[in-house]
PDB file of N, CA and C in Angstrom:
ATOM      1  N   MET A   1     -18.114 -61.166 -24.977  1.00  0.00           N
ATOM      2  CA  MET A   1     -19.095 -61.546 -25.955  1.00  0.00           C
ATOM      3  C   MET A   1     -20.503 -61.353 -25.389  1.00  0.00           C
ATOM      4  N   ILE A   2     -20.698 -61.627 -24.120  1.00  0.00           N
ATOM      5  CA  ILE A   2     -22.016 -61.467 -23.509  1.00  0.00           C
ATOM      6  C   ILE A   2     -22.442 -60.011 -23.520  1.00  0.00           C
ATOM      7  N   PHE A   3     -21.473 -59.076 -23.407  1.00  0.00           N
ATOM      8  CA  PHE A   3     -21.805 -57.660 -23.419  1.00  0.00           C
ATOM      9  C   PHE A   3     -22.384 -57.237 -24.758  1.00  0.00           C
ATOM     10  N   ILE A   4     -21.913 -57.827 -25.841  1.00  0.00           N
ATOM     11  CA  ILE A   4     -22.437 -57.508 -27.166  1.00  0.00           C
ATOM     12  C   ILE A   4     -23.907 -57.905 -27.230  1.00  0.00           C
ATOM     13  N   PHE A   5     -24.214 -59.113 -26.770  1.00  0.00           N
ATOM     14  CA  PHE A   5     -25.591 -59.577 -26.821  1.00  0.00           C
ATOM     15  C   PHE A   5     -26.478 -58.727 -25.936  1.00  0.00           C
ATOM     16  N   VAL A   6     -25.989 -58.347 -24.769  1.00  0.00           N
ATOM     17  CA  VAL A   6     -26.774 -57.503 -23.870  1.00  0.00           C
ATOM     18  C   VAL A   6     -27.054 -56.161 -24.528  1.00  0.00           C
ATOM     19  N   GLY A   7     -26.047 -55.566 -25.167  1.00  0.00           N
ATOM     20  CA  GLY A   7     -26.238 -54.282 -25.843  1.00  0.00           C
ATOM     21  C   GLY A   7     -27.232 -54.389 -26.975  1.00  0.00           C
ATOM     22  N   VAL A   8     -27.130 -55.450 -27.760  1.00  0.00           N
ATOM     23  CA  VAL A   8     -28.057 -55.646 -28.869  1.00  0.00           C
ATOM     24  C   VAL A   8     -29.464 -55.896 -28.347  1.00  0.00           C
ATOM     25  N   ILE A   9     -29.571 -56.652 -27.267  1.00  0.00           N
ATOM     26  CA  ILE A   9     -30.883 -56.923 -26.688  1.00  0.00           C
ATOM     27  C   ILE A   9     -31.499 -55.635 -26.173  1.00  0.00           C
ATOM     28  N   LEU A  10     -30.699 -54.774 -25.544  1.00  0.00           N
ATOM     29  CA  LEU A  10     -31.223 -53.498 -25.062  1.00  0.00           C
ATOM     30  C   LEU A  10     -31.787 -52.676 -26.200  1.00  0.00           C
ATOM     31  N   VAL A  11     -31.099 -52.678 -27.334  1.00  0.00           N
ATOM     32  CA  VAL A  11     -31.606 -51.945 -28.499  1.00  0.00           C
ATOM     33  C   VAL A  11     -32.883 -52.600 -28.987  1.00  0.00           C
ATOM     34  N   ALA A  12     -32.873 -53.902 -29.071  1.00  0.00           N
ATOM     35  CA  ALA A  12     -34.063 -54.595 -29.549  1.00  0.00           C
ATOM     36  C   ALA A  12     -35.257 -54.333 -28.645  1.00  0.00           C
ATOM     37  N   LEU A  13     -35.024 -54.292 -27.342  1.00  0.00           N
ATOM     38  CA  LEU A  13     -36.119 -54.041 -26.409  1.00  0.00           C
ATOM     39  C   LEU A  13     -36.626 -52.611 -26.486  1.00  0.00           C
ATOM     40  N   SER A  14     -35.778 -51.683 -26.918  1.00  0.00           N
ATOM     41  CA  SER A  14     -36.191 -50.284 -26.952  1.00  0.00           C
ATOM     42  C   SER A  14     -36.688 -49.847 -28.319  1.00  0.00           C
ATOM     43  N   LEU A  15     -36.645 -50.713 -29.309  1.00  0.00           N
ATOM     44  CA  LEU A  15     -37.067 -50.337 -30.652  1.00  0.00           C
ATOM     45  C   LEU A  15     -38.549 -49.997 -30.695  1.00  0.00           C
ATOM     46  N   SER A  16     -38.834 -48.870 -31.276  1.00  0.00           N
ATOM     47  CA  SER A  16     -40.199 -48.504 -31.626  1.00  0.00           C
ATOM     48  C   SER A  16     -41.208 -48.683 -30.502  1.00  0.00           C
ATOM     49  N   GLU A  17     -40.994 -48.022 -29.399  1.00  0.00           N
ATOM     50  CA  GLU A  17     -41.933 -48.084 -28.282  1.00  0.00           C
ATOM     51  C   GLU A  17     -43.121 -47.171 -28.565  1.00  0.00           C
ATOM     52  N   ASP A  18     -43.816 -47.418 -29.640  1.00  0.00           N
ATOM     53  CA  ASP A  18     -44.968 -46.634 -30.070  1.00  0.00           C
ATOM     54  C   ASP A  18     -46.186 -47.043 -29.261  1.00  0.00           C
ATOM     55  N   SER A  19     -46.817 -46.088 -28.609  1.00  0.00           N
ATOM     56  CA  SER A  19     -47.951 -46.406 -27.746  1.00  0.00           C
ATOM     57  C   SER A  19     -49.163 -46.879 -28.543  1.00  0.00           C
ATOM     58  N   SER A  20     -49.185 -46.643 -29.855  1.00  0.00           N
ATOM     59  CA  SER A  20     -50.315 -47.088 -30.656  1.00  0.00           C
ATOM     60  C   SER A  20     -50.202 -48.568 -31.000  1.00  0.00           C
ATOM     61  N   LYS A  21     -49.054 -49.174 -30.791  1.00  0.00           N
ATOM     62  CA  LYS A  21     -48.864 -50.590 -31.068  1.00  0.00           C
ATOM     63  C   LYS A  21     -48.903 -51.352 -29.756  1.00  0.00           C
ATOM     64  N   GLU A  22     -49.226 -52.633 -29.855  1.00  0.00           N
ATOM     65  CA  GLU A  22     -49.145 -53.468 -28.671  1.00  0.00           C
ATOM     66  C   GLU A  22     -47.696 -53.569 -28.245  1.00  0.00           C
ATOM     67  N   SER A  23     -47.467 -53.628 -26.955  1.00  0.00           N
ATOM     68  CA  SER A  23     -46.096 -53.769 -26.489  1.00  0.00           C
ATOM     69  C   SER A  23     -45.669 -55.218 -26.638  1.00  0.00           C
ATOM     70  N   CYS A  24     -44.381 -55.397 -26.879  1.00  0.00           N
ATOM     71  CA  CYS A  24     -43.827 -56.741 -27.025  1.00  0.00           C
ATOM     72  C   CYS A  24     -43.587 -57.347 -25.657  1.00  0.00           C
ATOM     73  N   PRO A  25     -43.729 -58.653 -25.544  1.00  0.00           N
ATOM     74  CA  PRO A  25     -43.415 -59.303 -24.271  1.00  0.00           C
ATOM     75  C   PRO A  25     -41.924 -59.186 -23.981  1.00  0.00           C
ATOM     76  N   ARG A  26     -41.561 -59.200 -22.728  1.00  0.00           N
ATOM     77  CA  ARG A  26     -40.167 -59.040 -22.322  1.00  0.00           C
ATOM     78  C   ARG A  26     -39.432 -60.374 -22.213  1.00  0.00           C
ATOM     79  N   ASP A  27     -40.032 -61.465 -22.699  1.00  0.00           N
ATOM     80  CA  ASP A  27     -39.342 -62.750 -22.618  1.00  0.00           C
ATOM     81  C   ASP A  27     -38.170 -62.786 -23.608  1.00  0.00           C
ATOM     82  N   LEU A  28     -37.129 -63.488 -23.229  1.00  0.00           N
ATOM     83  CA  LEU A  28     -35.940 -63.588 -24.062  1.00  0.00           C
ATOM     84  C   LEU A  28     -35.929 -64.920 -24.789  1.00  0.00           C
ATOM     85  N   THR A  29     -36.216 -64.856 -26.074  1.00  0.00           N
ATOM     86  CA  THR A  29     -36.106 -65.989 -26.976  1.00  0.00           C
ATOM     87  C   THR A  29     -35.225 -65.490 -28.104  1.00  0.00           C
ATOM     88  N   LEU A  30     -33.923 -65.457 -27.869  1.00  0.00           N
ATOM     89  CA  LEU A  30     -33.001 -64.820 -28.802  1.00  0.00           C
ATOM     90  C   LEU A  30     -33.131 -65.389 -30.205  1.00  0.00           C
ATOM     91  N   LEU A  31     -33.248 -64.475 -31.165  1.00  0.00           N
ATOM     92  CA  LEU A  31     -33.383 -64.836 -32.567  1.00  0.00           C
ATOM     93  C   LEU A  31     -32.435 -63.989 -33.394  1.00  0.00           C
ATOM     94  N   CYS A  32     -31.817 -64.605 -34.387  1.00  0.00           N
ATOM     95  CA  CYS A  32     -30.927 -63.877 -35.290  1.00  0.00           C
ATOM     96  C   CYS A  32     -31.737 -63.393 -36.485  1.00  0.00           C
ATOM     97  N   GLY A  33     -31.772 -62.081 -36.662  1.00  0.00           N
ATOM     98  CA  GLY A  33     -32.506 -61.502 -37.788  1.00  0.00           C
ATOM     99  C   GLY A  33     -31.701 -61.580 -39.072  1.00  0.00           C
ATOM    100  N   ARG A  34     -32.376 -61.443 -40.193  1.00  0.00           N
ATOM    101  CA  ARG A  34     -31.708 -61.465 -41.505  1.00  0.00           C
ATOM    102  C   ARG A  34     -30.749 -60.294 -41.682  1.00  0.00           C
ATOM    103  N   ASP A  35     -30.863 -59.289 -40.796  1.00  0.00           N
ATOM    104  CA  ASP A  35     -29.948 -58.151 -40.849  1.00  0.00           C
ATOM    105  C   ASP A  35     -28.696 -58.376 -40.007  1.00  0.00           C
ATOM    106  N   GLY A  36     -28.568 -59.588 -39.402  1.00  0.00           N
ATOM    107  CA  GLY A  36     -27.388 -59.898 -38.607  1.00  0.00           C
ATOM    108  C   GLY A  36     -27.453 -59.389 -37.184  1.00  0.00           C
ATOM    109  N   ILE A  37     -28.605 -58.868 -36.768  1.00  0.00           N
ATOM    110  CA  ILE A  37     -28.796 -58.344 -35.419  1.00  0.00           C
ATOM    111  C   ILE A  37     -29.577 -59.369 -34.599  1.00  0.00           C
ATOM    112  N   THR A  38     -29.178 -59.552 -33.330  1.00  0.00           N
ATOM    113  CA  THR A  38     -29.883 -60.447 -32.428  1.00  0.00           C
ATOM    114  C   THR A  38     -31.053 -59.694 -31.795  1.00  0.00           C
ATOM    115  N   TYR A  39     -32.245 -60.281 -31.891  1.00  0.00           N
ATOM    116  CA  TYR A  39     -33.450 -59.689 -31.313  1.00  0.00           C
ATOM    117  C   TYR A  39     -33.890 -60.496 -30.102  1.00  0.00           C
ATOM    118  N   ALA A  40     -34.509 -59.819 -29.135  1.00  0.00           N
ATOM    119  CA  ALA A  40     -34.932 -60.456 -27.893  1.00  0.00           C
ATOM    120  C   ALA A  40     -35.988 -61.535 -28.150  1.00  0.00           C
ATOM    121  N   ASN A  41     -36.887 -61.272 -29.087  1.00  0.00           N
ATOM    122  CA  ASN A  41     -37.915 -62.247 -29.444  1.00  0.00           C
ATOM    123  C   ASN A  41     -38.516 -61.852 -30.793  1.00  0.00           C
ATOM    124  N   GLU A  42     -39.423 -62.663 -31.274  1.00  0.00           N
ATOM    125  CA  GLU A  42     -39.991 -62.460 -32.607  1.00  0.00           C
ATOM    126  C   GLU A  42     -40.732 -61.131 -32.741  1.00  0.00           C
ATOM    127  N   CYS A  43     -41.377 -60.690 -31.687  1.00  0.00           N
ATOM    128  CA  CYS A  43     -42.128 -59.442 -31.714  1.00  0.00           C
ATOM    129  C   CYS A  43     -41.221 -58.256 -32.069  1.00  0.00           C
ATOM    130  N   TYR A  44     -40.057 -58.179 -31.437  1.00  0.00           N
ATOM    131  CA  TYR A  44     -39.148 -57.068 -31.695  1.00  0.00           C
ATOM    132  C   TYR A  44     -38.575 -57.131 -33.111  1.00  0.00           C
ATOM    133  N   ALA A  45     -38.340 -58.316 -33.614  1.00  0.00           N
ATOM    134  CA  ALA A  45     -37.864 -58.456 -34.995  1.00  0.00           C
ATOM    135  C   ALA A  45     -38.940 -57.976 -35.969  1.00  0.00           C
ATOM    136  N   LYS A  46     -40.189 -58.337 -35.705  1.00  0.00           N
ATOM    137  CA  LYS A  46     -41.288 -57.893 -36.565  1.00  0.00           C
ATOM    138  C   LYS A  46     -41.435 -56.382 -36.539  1.00  0.00           C
ATOM    139  N   ARG A  47     -41.276 -55.771 -35.357  1.00  0.00           N
ATOM    140  CA  ARG A  47     -41.356 -54.310 -35.259  1.00  0.00           C
ATOM    141  C   ARG A  47     -40.285 -53.633 -36.095  1.00  0.00           C
ATOM    142  N   ALA A  48     -39.135 -54.281 -36.207  1.00  0.00           N
ATOM    143  CA  ALA A  48     -38.038 -53.728 -37.008  1.00  0.00           C
ATOM    144  C   ALA A  48     -38.182 -54.122 -38.475  1.00  0.00           C
ATOM    145  N   ASN A  49     -39.265 -54.825 -38.813  1.00  0.00           N
ATOM    146  CA  ASN A  49     -39.501 -55.305 -40.181  1.00  0.00           C
ATOM    147  C   ASN A  49     -38.354 -56.175 -40.684  1.00  0.00           C
ATOM    148  N   VAL A  50     -37.908 -57.090 -39.811  1.00  0.00           N
ATOM    149  CA  VAL A  50     -36.798 -57.980 -40.140  1.00  0.00           C
ATOM    150  C   VAL A  50     -37.268 -59.416 -40.007  1.00  0.00           C
ATOM    151  N   GLY A  51     -36.953 -60.218 -41.013  1.00  0.00           N
ATOM    152  CA  GLY A  51     -37.264 -61.639 -40.945  1.00  0.00           C
ATOM    153  C   GLY A  51     -36.258 -62.367 -40.066  1.00  0.00           C
ATOM    154  N   ILE A  52     -36.619 -63.567 -39.643  1.00  0.00           N
ATOM    155  CA  ILE A  52     -35.760 -64.369 -38.785  1.00  0.00           C
ATOM    156  C   ILE A  52     -34.882 -65.265 -39.647  1.00  0.00           C
ATOM    157  N   GLN A  53     -33.589 -65.225 -39.370  1.00  0.00           N
ATOM    158  CA  GLN A  53     -32.638 -66.063 -40.097  1.00  0.00           C
ATOM    159  C   GLN A  53     -32.390 -67.371 -39.359  1.00  0.00           C
ATOM    160  N   ASP A  54     -32.304 -67.301 -38.017  1.00  0.00           N
ATOM    161  CA  ASP A  54     -31.968 -68.487 -37.248  1.00  0.00           C
ATOM    162  C   ASP A  54     -32.438 -68.330 -35.804  1.00  0.00           C
ATOM    163  N   VAL A  55     -32.671 -69.446 -35.136  1.00  0.00           N
ATOM    164  CA  VAL A  55     -33.010 -69.428 -33.715  1.00  0.00           C
ATOM    165  C   VAL A  55     -31.706 -69.316 -32.936  1.00  0.00           C
ATOM    166  N   GLY A  56     -31.702 -68.455 -31.929  1.00  0.00           N
ATOM    167  CA  GLY A  56     -30.499 -68.208 -31.146  1.00  0.00           C
ATOM    168  C   GLY A  56     -29.843 -66.911 -31.580  1.00  0.00           C
ATOM    169  N   PRO A  57     -28.841 -66.470 -30.835  1.00  0.00           N
ATOM    170  CA  PRO A  57     -28.171 -65.205 -31.167  1.00  0.00           C
ATOM    171  C   PRO A  57     -27.360 -65.310 -32.446  1.00  0.00           C
ATOM    172  N   CYS A  58     -27.180 -64.183 -33.111  1.00  0.00           N
ATOM    173  CA  CYS A  58     -26.340 -64.131 -34.297  1.00  0.00           C
ATOM    174  C   CYS A  58     -24.885 -64.339 -33.877  1.00  0.00           C
ATOM    175  N   GLU A  59     -24.087 -64.810 -34.815  1.00  0.00           N
ATOM    176  CA  GLU A  59     -22.663 -64.935 -34.535  1.00  0.00           C
ATOM    177  C   GLU A  59     -22.102 -63.553 -34.268  1.00  0.00           C
ATOM    178  N   GLU A  60     -21.047 -63.521 -33.502  1.00  0.00           N
ATOM    179  CA  GLU A  60     -20.444 -62.245 -33.111  1.00  0.00           C
ATOM    180  C   GLU A  60     -20.091 -61.413 -34.337  1.00  0.00           C
ATOM    181  N   ASN A  61     -20.520 -60.170 -34.306  1.00  0.00           N
ATOM    182  CA  ASN A  61     -20.219 -59.228 -35.376  1.00  0.00           C
ATOM    183  C   ASN A  61     -19.123 -58.300 -34.858  1.00  0.00           C
ATOM    184  N   ARG A  62     -17.925 -58.496 -35.309  1.00  0.00           N
ATOM    185  CA  ARG A  62     -16.776 -57.784 -34.753  1.00  0.00           C
ATOM    186  C   ARG A  62     -16.844 -56.274 -34.963  1.00  0.00           C
ATOM    187  N   LYS A  63     -17.538 -55.801 -35.968  1.00  0.00           N
ATOM    188  CA  LYS A  63     -17.608 -54.354 -36.180  1.00  0.00           C
ATOM    189  C   LYS A  63     -18.611 -53.678 -35.249  1.00  0.00           C
ATOM    190  N   CYS A  64     -19.369 -54.452 -34.500  1.00  0.00           N
ATOM    191  CA  CYS A  64     -20.386 -53.882 -33.626  1.00  0.00           C
ATOM    192  C   CYS A  64     -20.088 -54.131 -32.157  1.00  0.00           C
ATOM    193  N   ARG A  65     -18.933 -53.751 -31.718  1.00  0.00           N
ATOM    194  CA  ARG A  65     -18.588 -53.851 -30.299  1.00  0.00           C
ATOM    195  C   ARG A  65     -18.847 -52.493 -29.672  1.00  0.00           C
ATOM    196  N   CYS A  66     -19.930 -52.397 -28.946  1.00  0.00           N
ATOM    197  CA  CYS A  66     -20.331 -51.124 -28.350  1.00  0.00           C
ATOM    198  C   CYS A  66     -20.254 -51.197 -26.830  1.00  0.00           C
ATOM    199  N   ASN A  67     -20.003 -50.039 -26.234  1.00  0.00           N
ATOM    200  CA  ASN A  67     -20.012 -49.971 -24.778  1.00  0.00           C
ATOM    201  C   ASN A  67     -21.459 -49.896 -24.291  1.00  0.00           C
ATOM    202  N   ARG A  68     -21.629 -49.919 -22.993  1.00  0.00           N
ATOM    203  CA  ARG A  68     -22.973 -49.900 -22.416  1.00  0.00           C
ATOM    204  C   ARG A  68     -23.335 -48.528 -21.869  1.00  0.00           C
ATOM    205  N   ILE A  69     -22.633 -47.497 -22.279  1.00  0.00           N
ATOM    206  CA  ILE A  69     -22.944 -46.141 -21.841  1.00  0.00           C
ATOM    207  C   ILE A  69     -24.215 -45.681 -22.545  1.00  0.00           C
ATOM    208  N   MET A  70     -25.171 -45.216 -21.775  1.00  0.00           N
ATOM    209  CA  MET A  70     -26.459 -44.809 -22.329  1.00  0.00           C
ATOM    210  C   MET A  70     -26.423 -43.338 -22.720  1.00  0.00           C
ATOM    211  N   ILE A  71     -26.367 -43.091 -24.021  1.00  0.00           N
ATOM    212  CA  ILE A  71     -26.454 -41.744 -24.590  1.00  0.00           C
ATOM    213  C   ILE A  71     -27.499 -41.847 -25.692  1.00  0.00           C
ATOM    214  N   ASP A  72     -28.762 -41.654 -25.331  1.00  0.00           N
ATOM    215  CA  ASP A  72     -29.850 -41.844 -26.293  1.00  0.00           C
ATOM    216  C   ASP A  72     -29.640 -41.013 -27.547  1.00  0.00           C
ATOM    217  N   VAL A  73     -29.918 -41.643 -28.698  1.00  0.00           N
ATOM    218  CA  VAL A  73     -29.901 -40.938 -29.972  1.00  0.00           C
ATOM    219  C   VAL A  73     -31.151 -41.346 -30.756  1.00  0.00           C
ATOM    220  N   CYS A  74     -31.625 -40.428 -31.569  1.00  0.00           N
ATOM    221  CA  CYS A  74     -32.777 -40.685 -32.423  1.00  0.00           C
ATOM    222  C   CYS A  74     -32.289 -40.771 -33.855  1.00  0.00           C
ATOM    223  N   GLY A  75     -32.463 -41.939 -34.468  1.00  0.00           N
ATOM    224  CA  GLY A  75     -32.048 -42.132 -35.848  1.00  0.00           C
ATOM    225  C   GLY A  75     -32.957 -41.398 -36.816  1.00  0.00           C
ATOM    226  N   TYR A  76     -32.451 -41.110 -37.996  1.00  0.00           N
ATOM    227  CA  TYR A  76     -33.248 -40.448 -39.032  1.00  0.00           C
ATOM    228  C   TYR A  76     -34.488 -41.262 -39.374  1.00  0.00           C
ATOM    229  N   ASN A  77     -34.441 -42.569 -39.047  1.00  0.00           N
ATOM    230  CA  ASN A  77     -35.555 -43.471 -39.319  1.00  0.00           C
ATOM    231  C   ASN A  77     -36.625 -43.435 -38.232  1.00  0.00           C
ATOM    232  N   GLY A  78     -36.419 -42.579 -37.196  1.00  0.00           N
ATOM    233  CA  GLY A  78     -37.397 -42.446 -36.123  1.00  0.00           C
ATOM    234  C   GLY A  78     -37.260 -43.481 -35.026  1.00  0.00           C
ATOM    235  N   ILE A  79     -36.238 -44.330 -35.104  1.00  0.00           N
ATOM    236  CA  ILE A  79     -36.011 -45.343 -34.080  1.00  0.00           C
ATOM    237  C   ILE A  79     -34.973 -44.831 -33.103  1.00  0.00           C
ATOM    238  N   GLN A  80     -35.246 -45.017 -31.819  1.00  0.00           N
ATOM    239  CA  GLN A  80     -34.340 -44.568 -30.765  1.00  0.00           C
ATOM    240  C   GLN A  80     -33.346 -45.679 -30.425  1.00  0.00           C
ATOM    241  N   TYR A  81     -32.075 -45.310 -30.267  1.00  0.00           N
ATOM    242  CA  TYR A  81     -31.015 -46.250 -29.912  1.00  0.00           C
ATOM    243  C   TYR A  81     -30.377 -45.807 -28.603  1.00  0.00           C
ATOM    244  N   ASN A  82     -29.805 -46.753 -27.872  1.00  0.00           N
ATOM    245  CA  ASN A  82     -29.226 -46.455 -26.565  1.00  0.00           C
ATOM    246  C   ASN A  82     -27.922 -45.676 -26.634  1.00  0.00           C
ATOM    247  N   ASN A  83     -27.224 -45.721 -27.757  1.00  0.00           N
ATOM    248  CA  ASN A  83     -26.029 -44.896 -27.943  1.00  0.00           C
ATOM    249  C   ASN A  83     -25.670 -44.854 -29.430  1.00  0.00           C
ATOM    250  N   PRO A  84     -24.792 -43.932 -29.829  1.00  0.00           N
ATOM    251  CA  PRO A  84     -24.450 -43.786 -31.248  1.00  0.00           C
ATOM    252  C   PRO A  84     -23.853 -45.055 -31.865  1.00  0.00           C
ATOM    253  N   CYS A  85     -23.062 -45.795 -31.105  1.00  0.00           N
ATOM    254  CA  CYS A  85     -22.461 -47.014 -31.631  1.00  0.00           C
ATOM    255  C   CYS A  85     -23.526 -48.019 -32.052  1.00  0.00           C
ATOM    256  N   LEU A  86     -24.531 -48.200 -31.218  1.00  0.00           N
ATOM    257  CA  LEU A  86     -25.592 -49.147 -31.545  1.00  0.00           C
ATOM    258  C   LEU A  86     -26.405 -48.685 -32.756  1.00  0.00           C
ATOM    259  N   ALA A  87     -26.575 -47.379 -32.907  1.00  0.00           N
ATOM    260  CA  ALA A  87     -27.257 -46.866 -34.098  1.00  0.00           C
ATOM    261  C   ALA A  87     -26.452 -47.224 -35.347  1.00  0.00           C
ATOM    262  N   ARG A  88     -25.153 -47.013 -35.289  1.00  0.00           N
ATOM    263  CA  ARG A  88     -24.295 -47.342 -36.435  1.00  0.00           C
ATOM    264  C   ARG A  88     -24.316 -48.838 -36.740  1.00  0.00           C
ATOM    265  N   CYS A  89     -24.385 -49.667 -35.707  1.00  0.00           N
ATOM    266  CA  CYS A  89     -24.460 -51.121 -35.914  1.00  0.00           C
ATOM    267  C   CYS A  89     -25.715 -51.513 -36.683  1.00  0.00           C
ATOM    268  N   HIS A  90     -26.743 -50.691 -36.572  1.00  0.00           N
ATOM    269  CA  HIS A  90     -27.978 -50.932 -37.316  1.00  0.00           C
ATOM    270  C   HIS A  90     -27.979 -50.211 -38.661  1.00  0.00           C
ATOM    271  N   GLY A  91     -26.821 -49.673 -39.046  1.00  0.00           N
ATOM    272  CA  GLY A  91     -26.706 -49.005 -40.340  1.00  0.00           C
ATOM    273  C   GLY A  91     -27.224 -47.583 -40.357  1.00  0.00           C
ATOM    274  N   VAL A  92     -27.438 -47.003 -39.174  1.00  0.00           N
ATOM    275  CA  VAL A  92     -27.952 -45.636 -39.083  1.00  0.00           C
ATOM    276  C   VAL A  92     -26.788 -44.695 -38.792  1.00  0.00           C
ATOM    277  N   GLU A  93     -26.419 -43.902 -39.783  1.00  0.00           N
ATOM    278  CA  GLU A  93     -25.309 -42.961 -39.630  1.00  0.00           C
ATOM    279  C   GLU A  93     -25.794 -41.557 -39.267  1.00  0.00           C
ATOM    280  N   ASN A  94     -27.023 -41.238 -39.614  1.00  0.00           N
ATOM    281  CA  ASN A  94     -27.581 -39.910 -39.330  1.00  0.00           C
ATOM    282  C   ASN A  94     -28.541 -39.993 -38.157  1.00  0.00           C
ATOM    283  N   PHE A  95     -28.199 -39.276 -37.084  1.00  0.00           N
ATOM    284  CA  PHE A  95     -29.031 -39.280 -35.896  1.00  0.00           C
ATOM    285  C   PHE A  95     -28.811 -37.994 -35.126  1.00  0.00           C
ATOM    286  N   THR A  96     -29.723 -37.714 -34.193  1.00  0.00           N
ATOM    287  CA  THR A  96     -29.586 -36.558 -33.307  1.00  0.00           C
ATOM    288  C   THR A  96     -29.501 -37.065 -31.877  1.00  0.00           C
ATOM    289  N   LEU A  97     -28.820 -36.310 -31.039  1.00  0.00           N
ATOM    290  CA  LEU A  97     -28.723 -36.686 -29.631  1.00  0.00           C
ATOM    291  C   LEU A  97     -30.071 -36.510 -28.952  1.00  0.00           C
ATOM    292  N   GLY A  98     -30.389 -37.411 -28.058  1.00  0.00           N
ATOM    293  CA  GLY A  98     -31.639 -37.340 -27.315  1.00  0.00           C
ATOM    294  C   GLY A  98     -32.655 -38.368 -27.804  1.00  0.00           C
ATOM    295  N   LYS A  99     -33.745 -38.437 -27.071  1.00  0.00           N
ATOM    296  CA  LYS A  99     -34.814 -39.386 -27.398  1.00  0.00           C
ATOM    297  C   LYS A  99     -35.613 -38.898 -28.587  1.00  0.00           C
ATOM    298  N   CYS A 100     -36.214 -39.841 -29.288  1.00  0.00           N
ATOM    299  CA  CYS A 100     -37.098 -39.497 -30.406  1.00  0.00           C
ATOM    300  C   CYS A 100     -38.373 -38.877 -29.864  1.00  0.00           C
ATOM    301  N   ASP A 101     -38.898 -37.884 -30.561  1.00  0.00           N
ATOM    302  CA  ASP A 101     -40.174 -37.282 -30.182  1.00  0.00           C
ATOM    303  C   ASP A 101     -41.297 -38.250 -30.515  1.00  0.00           C
ATOM    304  N   VAL A 102     -42.273 -38.323 -29.651  1.00  0.00           N
ATOM    305  CA  VAL A 102     -43.433 -39.162 -29.893  1.00  0.00           C
ATOM    306  C   VAL A 102     -44.460 -38.330 -30.642  1.00  0.00           C
ATOM    307  N   ILE A 103     -44.857 -38.813 -31.805  1.00  0.00           N
ATOM    308  CA  ILE A 103     -45.855 -38.116 -32.609  1.00  0.00           C
ATOM    309  C   ILE A 103     -47.155 -38.890 -32.501  1.00  0.00           C
ATOM    310  N   LEU A 104     -48.187 -38.232 -31.994  1.00  0.00           N
ATOM    311  CA  LEU A 104     -49.492 -38.899 -31.845  1.00  0.00           C
ATOM    312  C   LEU A 104     -50.404 -38.534 -32.963  1.00  0.00           C
TER     313      LEU A 104
END
């Protein structure tokens, strides 16, 4: 169960690393978003445009058991995920292998 939270936190920490935005603090204040995804803190949830449902991690989502193998993918939404499984857990079915291009 801890591996699920770690994987979700890794995705939350890597969401939208846009240099034009302020970076989010790396403190862990686990929050359950309205999308059922656990975010590292409020900043990362806001970057994903997700409201907070509850304080603490979301209950285990059995359909989102992902390994920790890092195979970066870029979702059609422009958000980079650590592997295809984590992209699918966020509802992203269309993605390309590799990191997202940074557009300035």
